Protein backbone atom coordinates (compact mmCIF):
# COMPACT_ATOMS: atom_id res chain seq x y z
CA MET A 1 195.33 -86.10 94.43
CA ASN A 2 193.89 -88.66 96.83
CA GLU A 3 196.48 -87.50 99.02
CA GLU A 4 195.72 -83.79 98.51
CA LYS A 5 191.97 -84.55 99.24
CA THR A 6 192.75 -86.52 102.20
CA ALA A 7 195.09 -83.52 103.74
CA GLN A 8 192.11 -81.28 103.43
CA LYS A 9 191.37 -79.66 106.53
CA THR A 10 188.38 -81.03 108.39
CA PRO A 11 185.28 -79.07 109.39
CA GLU A 12 185.89 -76.45 111.86
CA ALA A 13 183.57 -75.88 114.48
CA PRO A 14 181.58 -72.58 114.27
CA LYS A 15 182.77 -69.65 115.88
CA GLY A 16 181.00 -68.78 119.28
CA VAL A 17 182.04 -72.19 120.88
CA ALA A 18 184.29 -71.92 124.30
CA GLN A 19 187.68 -72.65 123.63
CA SER A 20 188.66 -72.11 127.26
CA GLN A 21 187.74 -73.55 130.46
CA PRO A 22 185.17 -71.50 132.45
CA PRO A 23 185.89 -70.43 135.95
CA LYS A 24 185.07 -73.29 138.50
CA GLY A 25 183.61 -71.95 141.43
CA SER A 26 183.24 -74.44 144.81
CA PHE A 27 179.55 -74.83 145.19
CA LEU A 28 179.90 -74.71 148.94
CA ALA A 29 181.92 -71.36 148.88
CA ASN A 30 178.94 -69.87 146.80
CA LEU A 31 176.44 -71.22 149.05
CA ALA A 32 178.23 -69.87 152.03
CA PHE A 33 179.07 -66.22 150.77
CA ASN A 34 176.03 -65.77 148.83
CA ILE A 35 173.23 -67.26 151.09
CA ILE A 36 174.06 -68.36 154.30
CA LEU A 37 176.16 -65.64 155.63
CA PRO A 38 174.17 -62.95 154.38
CA VAL A 39 171.29 -64.49 155.50
CA PHE A 40 172.31 -64.96 158.89
CA ILE A 41 173.25 -61.51 159.52
CA LEU A 42 170.46 -60.39 158.03
CA SER A 43 168.48 -62.47 160.34
CA LYS A 44 170.06 -62.40 163.34
CA LEU A 45 172.03 -59.30 163.41
CA SER A 46 169.87 -56.77 162.22
CA GLY A 47 168.23 -55.60 165.52
CA ASP A 48 169.11 -52.25 167.15
CA ASP A 49 170.76 -54.00 170.06
CA SER A 50 173.31 -55.64 167.12
CA LEU A 51 174.29 -54.31 164.03
CA GLY A 52 171.34 -52.72 163.15
CA PRO A 53 169.16 -52.34 160.05
CA SER A 54 171.74 -50.36 157.76
CA LEU A 55 174.90 -52.14 158.98
CA SER A 56 173.63 -55.18 158.99
CA ILE A 57 172.72 -54.64 155.41
CA VAL A 58 176.27 -53.36 154.53
CA PHE A 59 178.03 -56.27 156.23
CA ALA A 60 175.65 -58.98 154.43
CA LEU A 61 176.30 -57.37 151.10
CA MET A 62 180.15 -57.41 151.52
CA PHE A 63 180.27 -61.32 151.51
CA PRO A 64 178.49 -61.91 148.01
CA ILE A 65 180.45 -58.78 146.54
CA GLY A 66 183.66 -60.11 147.79
CA TYR A 67 183.16 -63.23 146.53
CA GLY A 68 182.05 -62.17 143.09
CA LEU A 69 185.12 -59.86 142.70
CA TRP A 70 187.61 -62.42 143.92
CA ASP A 71 185.97 -64.99 141.51
CA LEU A 72 186.56 -62.57 138.86
CA ARG A 73 190.11 -62.29 139.55
CA GLN A 74 190.59 -65.95 140.13
CA SER A 75 188.95 -66.57 136.42
CA GLY A 76 191.59 -64.24 134.90
CA LYS A 77 188.57 -62.97 132.45
CA ILE A 78 185.58 -61.03 132.74
CA ASN A 79 182.53 -63.40 133.13
CA PRO A 80 179.16 -61.62 132.24
CA PHE A 81 177.21 -63.85 134.62
CA SER A 82 179.88 -62.53 137.90
CA VAL A 83 179.56 -59.21 136.53
CA LEU A 84 175.71 -59.19 136.58
CA GLY A 85 175.48 -60.93 140.12
CA VAL A 86 177.73 -58.13 141.52
CA VAL A 87 175.98 -55.37 139.81
CA SER A 88 172.86 -56.75 141.19
CA VAL A 89 174.11 -57.13 144.77
CA PHE A 90 175.23 -53.54 144.34
CA LEU A 91 171.70 -52.53 143.44
CA THR A 92 170.03 -54.30 146.02
CA GLY A 93 172.55 -52.80 148.73
CA GLY A 94 172.17 -49.12 147.19
CA ILE A 95 168.41 -49.27 147.15
CA SER A 96 168.24 -50.75 150.57
CA LEU A 97 170.35 -48.24 152.02
CA LEU A 98 169.09 -45.31 150.27
CA GLU A 99 165.73 -46.58 151.71
CA LEU A 100 163.90 -46.35 148.46
CA ASP A 101 160.39 -48.20 147.85
CA PRO A 102 160.91 -52.02 147.90
CA LYS A 103 159.23 -52.25 144.74
CA TYR A 104 162.47 -51.43 143.18
CA ILE A 105 163.91 -54.31 144.45
CA ALA A 106 161.36 -56.42 142.76
CA ILE A 107 161.92 -54.84 139.68
CA LYS A 108 165.65 -55.15 139.82
CA GLU A 109 165.49 -58.71 140.80
CA ALA A 110 162.88 -59.25 137.74
CA ALA A 111 165.38 -57.54 135.50
CA ILE A 112 168.68 -59.13 135.50
CA PRO A 113 167.30 -62.87 134.89
CA ALA A 114 165.18 -61.14 132.17
CA MET A 115 168.24 -59.28 130.62
CA ILE A 116 170.23 -62.40 130.38
CA GLY A 117 167.08 -64.45 128.86
CA ILE A 118 167.09 -61.66 126.30
CA ALA A 119 170.74 -61.91 126.01
CA VAL A 120 170.63 -65.79 125.06
CA LEU A 121 167.89 -65.28 122.49
CA PHE A 122 170.00 -61.95 120.72
CA THR A 123 173.01 -63.88 120.74
CA GLN A 124 171.58 -66.73 119.00
CA ARG A 125 171.06 -64.77 115.94
CA THR A 126 174.93 -63.63 116.06
CA ARG A 127 178.32 -65.25 115.61
CA PHE A 128 178.83 -66.34 119.11
CA PRO A 129 175.49 -67.81 120.62
CA LEU A 130 175.75 -67.88 124.17
CA VAL A 131 174.23 -71.03 124.92
CA LYS A 132 176.76 -72.90 122.45
CA THR A 133 179.64 -71.22 124.13
CA LEU A 134 178.24 -72.71 127.64
CA ILE A 135 177.40 -76.20 126.46
CA LEU A 136 180.00 -77.01 123.83
CA ASN A 137 182.83 -75.95 125.86
CA ALA A 138 186.43 -77.41 124.42
CA GLN A 139 187.29 -78.38 128.09
CA LEU A 140 184.36 -80.96 127.74
CA VAL A 141 183.57 -81.54 124.20
CA ARG A 142 186.05 -82.48 121.14
CA VAL A 143 184.07 -79.82 119.14
CA GLU A 144 186.21 -80.37 115.77
CA ALA A 145 185.76 -83.95 116.17
CA LEU A 146 181.76 -83.55 116.92
CA TYR A 147 181.40 -81.27 113.73
CA GLU A 148 183.27 -83.64 111.70
CA ALA A 149 180.88 -86.34 112.46
CA LEU A 150 178.02 -84.15 111.90
CA ALA A 151 179.38 -83.05 108.50
CA GLN A 152 179.69 -86.68 107.53
CA LYS A 153 176.29 -87.55 108.06
CA GLY A 154 174.95 -84.36 106.65
CA MET A 155 173.26 -83.38 109.83
CA THR A 156 175.43 -79.94 110.67
CA ALA A 157 172.59 -77.92 109.73
CA MET A 158 170.00 -80.37 111.87
CA PHE A 159 172.21 -79.82 114.89
CA GLU A 160 172.44 -75.94 114.29
CA LYS A 161 168.59 -76.12 114.59
CA ARG A 162 168.55 -77.95 117.65
CA MET A 163 170.97 -75.76 119.46
CA GLY A 164 168.52 -72.99 118.71
CA GLN A 165 165.80 -74.91 120.35
CA ALA A 166 168.04 -75.49 123.34
CA SER A 167 168.62 -71.59 123.45
CA ILE A 168 164.81 -70.81 123.82
CA ILE A 169 164.65 -73.82 126.41
CA VAL A 170 167.38 -71.81 128.28
CA ALA A 171 165.86 -68.56 127.79
CA GLY A 172 162.46 -69.70 129.05
CA SER A 173 164.43 -70.73 132.02
CA PHE A 174 165.81 -67.34 133.02
CA PHE A 175 162.38 -65.71 131.90
CA VAL A 176 160.52 -68.07 134.67
CA SER A 177 163.20 -66.87 137.24
CA SER A 178 162.44 -63.28 136.43
CA VAL A 179 158.56 -63.99 137.08
CA LEU A 180 159.20 -65.67 140.20
CA ASN A 181 161.79 -63.33 141.55
CA TYR A 182 159.38 -60.57 141.09
CA VAL A 183 156.69 -62.52 142.89
CA LEU A 184 158.85 -63.49 145.72
CA ALA A 185 160.00 -59.90 146.27
CA LYS A 186 156.67 -58.44 146.02
CA ILE A 187 155.41 -61.05 148.81
CA ILE A 188 158.14 -61.04 151.31
CA LEU A 189 159.28 -56.99 151.09
CA VAL A 190 156.55 -55.47 152.84
CA SER A 191 158.12 -53.35 155.78
CA PRO A 192 159.93 -49.78 155.23
CA PRO A 193 163.33 -49.86 154.49
CA GLY A 194 165.82 -48.98 157.25
CA THR A 195 163.89 -50.80 159.65
CA THR A 196 164.98 -54.23 161.56
CA GLU A 197 161.68 -56.16 159.73
CA PHE A 198 162.96 -55.03 156.23
CA SER A 199 166.56 -56.33 157.05
CA GLU A 200 165.25 -59.49 158.09
CA GLU A 201 162.44 -60.07 155.23
CA LEU A 202 165.61 -59.09 152.92
CA GLY A 203 167.42 -62.26 154.57
CA LYS A 204 164.19 -64.37 154.23
CA MET A 205 163.82 -63.35 150.24
CA THR A 206 167.68 -64.17 149.89
CA ALA A 207 166.93 -67.51 151.64
CA LEU A 208 164.06 -68.63 149.76
CA SER A 209 165.79 -67.51 146.28
CA TYR A 210 167.91 -70.53 146.26
CA PRO A 211 165.12 -73.28 146.51
CA VAL A 212 162.16 -71.40 144.91
CA ILE A 213 164.27 -70.09 142.19
CA ALA A 214 167.81 -71.11 141.32
CA LEU A 215 166.86 -75.01 141.59
CA PRO A 216 163.85 -74.76 139.08
CA SER A 217 165.88 -72.86 136.67
CA MET A 218 169.21 -75.12 137.28
CA VAL A 219 166.72 -78.16 136.39
CA ILE A 220 165.56 -76.44 133.12
CA LEU A 221 169.04 -75.55 132.38
CA MET A 222 170.06 -79.18 132.69
CA LEU A 223 167.13 -80.42 130.65
CA ALA A 224 168.78 -78.06 127.73
CA ILE A 225 172.09 -79.77 127.98
CA TRP A 226 170.59 -83.20 128.12
CA PHE A 227 168.69 -82.27 125.00
CA VAL A 228 171.61 -81.27 123.31
CA PHE A 229 173.81 -84.14 124.52
CA SER A 230 170.87 -86.51 123.24
CA GLN A 231 170.85 -84.81 119.63
CA ILE A 232 174.57 -85.46 119.63
CA LYS A 233 174.20 -89.32 119.80
CA LYS A 234 170.91 -89.40 117.53
CA LEU A 235 172.38 -87.34 114.82
CA THR A 236 175.86 -88.51 114.85
CA GLY A 237 175.26 -92.28 115.33
CA GLU A 238 177.87 -92.01 117.81
CA SER A 239 177.78 -92.19 121.70
CA LEU A 240 178.30 -88.81 123.68
CA GLU A 241 181.65 -90.23 125.26
CA THR A 242 182.85 -90.49 121.64
CA PHE A 243 183.46 -86.55 121.65
CA LEU A 244 184.14 -86.02 125.49
CA VAL A 245 187.49 -84.87 126.32
CA ASP A 246 189.71 -87.37 127.98
CA GLN A 247 190.24 -86.06 131.52
CA ASP A 248 193.15 -88.24 131.93
CA LYS A 249 195.16 -87.02 129.00
CA PRO A 250 197.66 -83.78 129.83
């Protein structure tokens, strides 16, 4: 009987925990193709003596779209965040080239992160919580060992509660980003579409979006990850390193 009990299957990690390594994008490549090159083209080459307002927008958007599609192909699977990024760029280009009211770009800039925030909260009530998929990745964390330790301490339910709180933090970061995106677009995009001034303003908005929006959102996301990892140590009584995957092992 004792042997049978010993042979019983250890607690499994709930569904929704990532079992494959997320695609790794180069930070410098992301910065170059999504920020630096588009900003340079829109700011320096949008005059009538160069590419002009319309062509400068086309060439500027080719870089983030091309890099996004390449990243999707390299990852081997569809990444919802990459898809949203490509869609967002397509919408920006379409609105600009059709010379629609700049308010639509502001609405689009606010809608994308707001949709992600809503998705984070919605999936928390499903079998596949988005935040758990992002943070408890099997390439970083030994998920089964973690849940076995939580079960032994009777802390599994408490840990799930803490993951829910982390989801609220992450969703909040996207909602903050949504508001900042809208305000930034409304302040900067004041010229009529189809003009050199509008292209330059679009470049300025792109340049400012990183320090004004991306960095604060990233800080909040890092706080959420720190919160989850600190709870692992608190609830299991073990150090975080105990549950990290040994990257030196094949």
